[in-house]
């Protein structure tokens, strides 16, 4: 198991806790908790050693499309592909931001 940590700039936003995915073969679980401040903290536990570059690239691709809210994101990965990683992270952000859309 490898543990990775990323800190990224974030926008202030009202979000709610969110959980998507399943820790199983080829999938991952993404949990989001709101944070005060202007940073996103991303904590990843992955079964794929040496995957920091892949994770960094996926996060940068998401940031190019979505302004990340201030949050703590915990990811438990069991060898998910980049496409699944991106899908789950985007699903979690959308679910956490639903409170913002309904306000």
Protein backbone atom coordinates (compact mmCIF):
# COMPACT_ATOMS: atom_id res chain seq x y z
CA UNK A 1 0.00 0.00 0.00
CA UNK A 2 1.30 3.44 -0.94
CA UNK A 3 0.06 6.68 0.64
CA UNK A 4 0.10 9.96 -1.31
CA UNK A 5 -0.78 13.49 -0.21
CA UNK A 6 -1.53 16.51 -2.39
CA UNK A 7 -2.50 20.04 -1.37
CA UNK A 8 -4.13 22.21 -4.02
CA UNK A 9 -5.61 25.72 -4.08
CA UNK A 10 -9.38 25.77 -3.67
CA UNK A 11 -12.38 28.05 -3.88
CA UNK A 12 -14.55 28.79 -0.87
CA UNK A 13 -17.78 26.86 -1.26
CA UNK A 14 -20.45 25.32 0.89
CA UNK A 15 -20.25 21.57 0.42
CA UNK A 16 -21.56 18.56 2.28
CA UNK A 17 -19.86 15.25 3.11
CA UNK A 18 -19.99 12.76 0.25
CA UNK A 19 -19.06 9.12 -0.37
CA UNK A 20 -18.95 7.39 -3.76
CA UNK A 21 -17.47 4.18 -5.10
CA UNK A 22 -16.43 0.88 -3.65
CA UNK A 23 -13.02 -0.42 -2.64
CA UNK A 24 -12.82 -3.49 -4.84
CA UNK A 25 -10.86 -4.82 -7.76
CA UNK A 26 -10.45 -2.05 -10.34
CA UNK A 27 -12.43 0.53 -8.37
CA UNK A 28 -11.96 3.09 -5.63
CA UNK A 29 -13.80 4.90 -2.85
CA UNK A 30 -13.82 8.70 -2.59
CA UNK A 31 -14.87 10.46 0.62
CA UNK A 32 -15.21 14.23 0.90
CA UNK A 33 -15.44 16.38 4.01
CA UNK A 34 -15.76 20.19 3.97
CA UNK A 35 -12.73 22.24 5.08
CA UNK A 36 -12.47 25.85 6.15
CA UNK A 37 -9.94 27.88 4.23
CA UNK A 38 -8.69 27.97 0.68
CA UNK A 39 -7.07 24.59 0.15
CA UNK A 40 -8.01 21.11 -0.92
CA UNK A 41 -6.24 18.28 0.85
CA UNK A 42 -6.14 14.99 -1.06
CA UNK A 43 -5.08 11.82 0.76
CA UNK A 44 -4.73 8.67 -1.32
CA UNK A 45 -4.12 5.09 -0.27
CA UNK A 46 -3.40 3.00 -3.34
CA UNK A 47 -2.50 -0.60 -4.03
CA UNK A 48 -0.54 0.53 -7.12
CA UNK A 49 3.07 1.32 -6.17
CA UNK A 50 4.84 4.12 -8.05
CA UNK A 51 1.60 5.76 -9.17
CA UNK A 52 2.22 9.33 -7.94
CA UNK A 53 2.73 10.73 -11.47
CA UNK A 54 -0.51 9.13 -12.70
CA UNK A 55 -2.45 10.54 -9.74
CA UNK A 56 -0.94 14.00 -10.17
CA UNK A 57 -1.91 14.00 -13.87
CA UNK A 58 -5.51 12.94 -13.17
CA UNK A 59 -5.90 15.63 -10.49
CA UNK A 60 -4.50 18.28 -12.84
CA UNK A 61 -6.94 17.20 -15.58
CA UNK A 62 -9.85 17.54 -13.16
CA UNK A 63 -8.63 20.95 -11.98
CA UNK A 64 -8.55 22.14 -15.60
CA UNK A 65 -12.32 21.50 -15.80
CA UNK A 66 -13.55 21.98 -12.23
CA UNK A 67 -12.64 24.57 -9.62
CA UNK A 68 -11.98 22.45 -6.53
CA UNK A 69 -13.87 23.44 -3.37
CA UNK A 70 -12.11 23.69 0.00
CA UNK A 71 -12.29 20.08 1.18
CA UNK A 72 -10.49 17.04 2.46
CA UNK A 73 -10.71 14.20 -0.02
CA UNK A 74 -9.77 10.68 1.07
CA UNK A 75 -9.35 8.10 -1.67
CA UNK A 76 -8.93 4.35 -1.16
CA UNK A 77 -7.81 2.85 -4.47
CA UNK A 78 -7.66 -0.77 -5.52
CA UNK A 79 -5.93 -0.50 -8.93
CA UNK A 80 -8.50 1.72 -10.65
CA UNK A 81 -7.75 2.97 -14.15
CA UNK A 82 -7.34 6.73 -14.77
CA UNK A 83 -10.82 6.84 -16.33
CA UNK A 84 -12.44 5.31 -13.24
CA UNK A 85 -10.39 7.57 -10.96
CA UNK A 86 -11.58 10.68 -12.78
CA UNK A 87 -15.20 9.48 -12.88
CA UNK A 88 -15.33 8.75 -9.14
CA UNK A 89 -13.64 12.02 -8.13
CA UNK A 90 -15.99 14.05 -10.34
CA UNK A 91 -19.01 12.13 -8.97
CA UNK A 92 -17.92 12.85 -5.39
CA UNK A 93 -17.40 16.57 -6.06
CA UNK A 94 -20.80 16.80 -7.78
CA UNK A 95 -22.53 15.04 -4.87
CA UNK A 96 -20.73 17.19 -2.26
CA UNK A 97 -21.62 20.36 -4.18
CA UNK A 98 -25.32 19.46 -4.44
CA UNK A 99 -26.01 21.58 -1.35
CA UNK A 100 -24.60 24.58 -3.24
CA UNK A 101 -26.88 23.95 -6.25
CA UNK A 102 -30.03 23.62 -4.13
CA UNK A 103 -29.39 26.82 -2.16
